Amino acid sequence: METKNITIKPANATGTSLQGYYRGSYNSLVEALGQPDRYEGDKVTCEWSVRIGGTIVTVYNWKDSSDPKYLRNWHVGGSGEMAVHALNIATESIDAYPR
């Protein structure tokens, strides 16, 4: 997926951790990142694991069993705070912020 001269593609999220939060809709994430990976787990039921440019970013609902399509608050993971910045670029917003 191409967004404003950046490439977004699937990524391995091993070794990432919480870097911040994103306040926005499920639909805005799908528009920017594509369809999420889904899990039947007890802690995460919806997650994106992507590489935005050179930065690995994960966006997920942590311990929230609500239908992800109605969520407005998401966790942002990565290897550093650049994950938050990369998500803002991909979503063309300033709705992601460091923890």
C-alpha atoms as a PDB file:
ATOM      1  CA  MET A   1       0.000   0.000   0.000  1.00  0.00           C
ATOM      2  CA  GLU A   2       1.333   3.457  -0.890  1.00  0.00           C
ATOM      3  CA  THR A   3       0.489   6.560   1.140  1.00  0.00           C
ATOM      4  CA  LYS A   4       2.067   9.956   0.461  1.00  0.00           C
ATOM      5  CA  ASN A   5       5.418   8.581  -0.779  1.00  0.00           C
ATOM      6  CA  ILE A   6       5.723   5.987   1.982  1.00  0.00           C
ATOM      7  CA  THR A   7       5.391   2.248   1.678  1.00  0.00           C
ATOM      8  CA  ILE A   8       3.324   0.275   4.151  1.00  0.00           C
ATOM      9  CA  LYS A   9       3.798  -3.486   4.225  1.00  0.00           C
ATOM     10  CA  PRO A  10       3.370  -6.369   6.692  1.00  0.00           C
ATOM     11  CA  ALA A  11       6.051  -6.734   9.368  1.00  0.00           C
ATOM     12  CA  ASN A  12       7.199  -9.072  12.113  1.00  0.00           C
ATOM     13  CA  ALA A  13       6.449  -7.354  15.426  1.00  0.00           C
ATOM     14  CA  THR A  14       8.728  -9.517  17.576  1.00  0.00           C
ATOM     15  CA  GLY A  15      10.546  -7.362  20.132  1.00  0.00           C
ATOM     16  CA  THR A  16       8.252  -4.348  19.918  1.00  0.00           C
ATOM     17  CA  SER A  17       6.653  -2.719  22.948  1.00  0.00           C
ATOM     18  CA  LEU A  18       4.190   0.029  23.842  1.00  0.00           C
ATOM     19  CA  GLN A  19       5.347   3.421  22.556  1.00  0.00           C
ATOM     20  CA  GLY A  20       2.157   5.466  22.664  1.00  0.00           C
ATOM     21  CA  TYR A  21      -1.496   5.676  21.786  1.00  0.00           C
ATOM     22  CA  TYR A  22      -3.723   6.483  18.823  1.00  0.00           C
ATOM     23  CA  ARG A  23      -7.087   8.158  19.155  1.00  0.00           C
ATOM     24  CA  GLY A  24      -9.029   7.422  16.002  1.00  0.00           C
ATOM     25  CA  SER A  25     -11.454   5.094  14.345  1.00  0.00           C
ATOM     26  CA  TYR A  26     -11.054   1.564  13.101  1.00  0.00           C
ATOM     27  CA  ASN A  27     -12.002   2.817   9.630  1.00  0.00           C
ATOM     28  CA  SER A  28      -9.225   5.433   9.613  1.00  0.00           C
ATOM     29  CA  LEU A  29      -6.724   2.687  10.471  1.00  0.00           C
ATOM     30  CA  VAL A  30      -8.053   0.387   7.740  1.00  0.00           C
ATOM     31  CA  GLU A  31      -7.850   3.249   5.256  1.00  0.00           C
ATOM     32  CA  ALA A  32      -4.231   3.971   6.177  1.00  0.00           C
ATOM     33  CA  LEU A  33      -2.871   0.488   6.988  1.00  0.00           C
ATOM     34  CA  GLY A  34      -5.166  -1.986   5.239  1.00  0.00           C
ATOM     35  CA  GLN A  35      -7.081  -4.805   6.903  1.00  0.00           C
ATOM     36  CA  PRO A  36      -5.845  -5.839  10.367  1.00  0.00           C
ATOM     37  CA  ASP A  37      -4.560  -9.183  11.492  1.00  0.00           C
ATOM     38  CA  ARG A  38      -7.177 -10.719  13.758  1.00  0.00           C
ATOM     39  CA  TYR A  39      -6.633 -12.846  16.836  1.00  0.00           C
ATOM     40  CA  GLU A  40      -8.989 -14.841  18.982  1.00  0.00           C
ATOM     41  CA  GLY A  41      -6.785 -14.146  22.001  1.00  0.00           C
ATOM     42  CA  ASP A  42      -7.883 -12.866  25.369  1.00  0.00           C
ATOM     43  CA  LYS A  43      -5.724  -9.704  25.383  1.00  0.00           C
ATOM     44  CA  VAL A  44      -5.614  -8.597  21.725  1.00  0.00           C
ATOM     45  CA  THR A  45      -8.447  -9.185  19.267  1.00  0.00           C
ATOM     46  CA  CYS A  46      -7.401  -6.766  16.516  1.00  0.00           C
ATOM     47  CA  GLU A  47      -3.859  -5.800  15.474  1.00  0.00           C
ATOM     48  CA  TRP A  48      -1.912  -4.293  12.607  1.00  0.00           C
ATOM     49  CA  SER A  49       1.794  -5.185  12.339  1.00  0.00           C
ATOM     50  CA  VAL A  50       3.286  -3.091   9.560  1.00  0.00           C
ATOM     51  CA  ARG A  51       6.477  -1.451   8.404  1.00  0.00           C
ATOM     52  CA  ILE A  52       5.886   2.206   7.569  1.00  0.00           C
ATOM     53  CA  GLY A  53       8.909   3.337   5.622  1.00  0.00           C
ATOM     54  CA  GLY A  54      11.683   1.763   7.705  1.00  0.00           C
ATOM     55  CA  THR A  55       9.794   1.761  11.029  1.00  0.00           C
ATOM     56  CA  ILE A  56       7.914  -1.218  12.472  1.00  0.00           C
ATOM     57  CA  VAL A  57       4.565  -0.155  13.926  1.00  0.00           C
ATOM     58  CA  THR A  58       1.914  -2.186  15.708  1.00  0.00           C
ATOM     59  CA  VAL A  59      -1.564  -0.873  16.473  1.00  0.00           C
ATOM     60  CA  TYR A  60      -3.775  -2.991  18.696  1.00  0.00           C
ATOM     61  CA  ASN A  61      -6.615  -3.080  21.205  1.00  0.00           C
ATOM     62  CA  TRP A  62      -5.119  -4.191  24.524  1.00  0.00           C
ATOM     63  CA  LYS A  63      -7.489  -5.930  26.921  1.00  0.00           C
ATOM     64  CA  ASP A  64     -10.544  -4.417  25.268  1.00  0.00           C
ATOM     65  CA  SER A  65     -13.097  -6.993  24.224  1.00  0.00           C
ATOM     66  CA  SER A  66     -15.339  -4.426  22.518  1.00  0.00           C
ATOM     67  CA  ASP A  67     -16.012  -4.792  18.805  1.00  0.00           C
ATOM     68  CA  PRO A  68     -12.895  -3.194  17.241  1.00  0.00           C
ATOM     69  CA  LYS A  69     -15.025  -1.422  14.634  1.00  0.00           C
ATOM     70  CA  TYR A  70     -16.359   0.840  17.403  1.00  0.00           C
ATOM     71  CA  LEU A  71     -13.096   1.554  19.245  1.00  0.00           C
ATOM     72  CA  ARG A  72     -11.529   5.033  19.359  1.00  0.00           C
ATOM     73  CA  ASN A  73      -8.492   4.349  21.582  1.00  0.00           C
ATOM     74  CA  TRP A  74      -5.638   2.097  20.432  1.00  0.00           C
ATOM     75  CA  HIS A  75      -2.177   1.124  21.665  1.00  0.00           C
ATOM     76  CA  VAL A  76       0.818   1.843  19.413  1.00  0.00           C
ATOM     77  CA  GLY A  77       3.867  -0.387  19.621  1.00  0.00           C
ATOM     78  CA  GLY A  78       7.269  -0.325  18.009  1.00  0.00           C
ATOM     79  CA  SER A  79      10.991  -0.224  18.718  1.00  0.00           C
ATOM     80  CA  GLY A  80      10.934   3.446  19.717  1.00  0.00           C
ATOM     81  CA  GLU A  81       8.893   6.650  19.576  1.00  0.00           C
ATOM     82  CA  MET A  82       9.413   6.823  15.797  1.00  0.00           C
ATOM     83  CA  ALA A  83       6.550   4.319  15.634  1.00  0.00           C
ATOM     84  CA  VAL A  84       4.176   7.036  16.864  1.00  0.00           C
ATOM     85  CA  HIS A  85       5.541   9.534  14.330  1.00  0.00           C
ATOM     86  CA  ALA A  86       5.298   6.997  11.482  1.00  0.00           C
ATOM     87  CA  LEU A  87       1.666   6.258  12.355  1.00  0.00           C
ATOM     88  CA  ASN A  88       0.843   9.972  12.262  1.00  0.00           C
ATOM     89  CA  ILE A  89       2.370  10.191   8.797  1.00  0.00           C
ATOM     90  CA  ALA A  90       0.468   7.125   7.573  1.00  0.00           C
ATOM     91  CA  THR A  91      -2.876   8.316   8.947  1.00  0.00           C
ATOM     92  CA  GLU A  92      -2.184  11.929   7.929  1.00  0.00           C
ATOM     93  CA  SER A  93      -3.101  13.028  11.440  1.00  0.00           C
ATOM     94  CA  ILE A  94      -1.631  13.982  14.789  1.00  0.00           C
ATOM     95  CA  ASP A  95      -3.845  11.555  16.665  1.00  0.00           C
ATOM     96  CA  ALA A  96      -1.005   9.285  17.798  1.00  0.00           C
ATOM     97  CA  TYR A  97       0.988  10.451  20.804  1.00  0.00           C
ATOM     98  CA  PRO A  98       3.829   9.075  22.968  1.00  0.00           C
ATOM     99  CA  ARG A  99       3.110   7.423  26.268  1.00  0.00           C
END
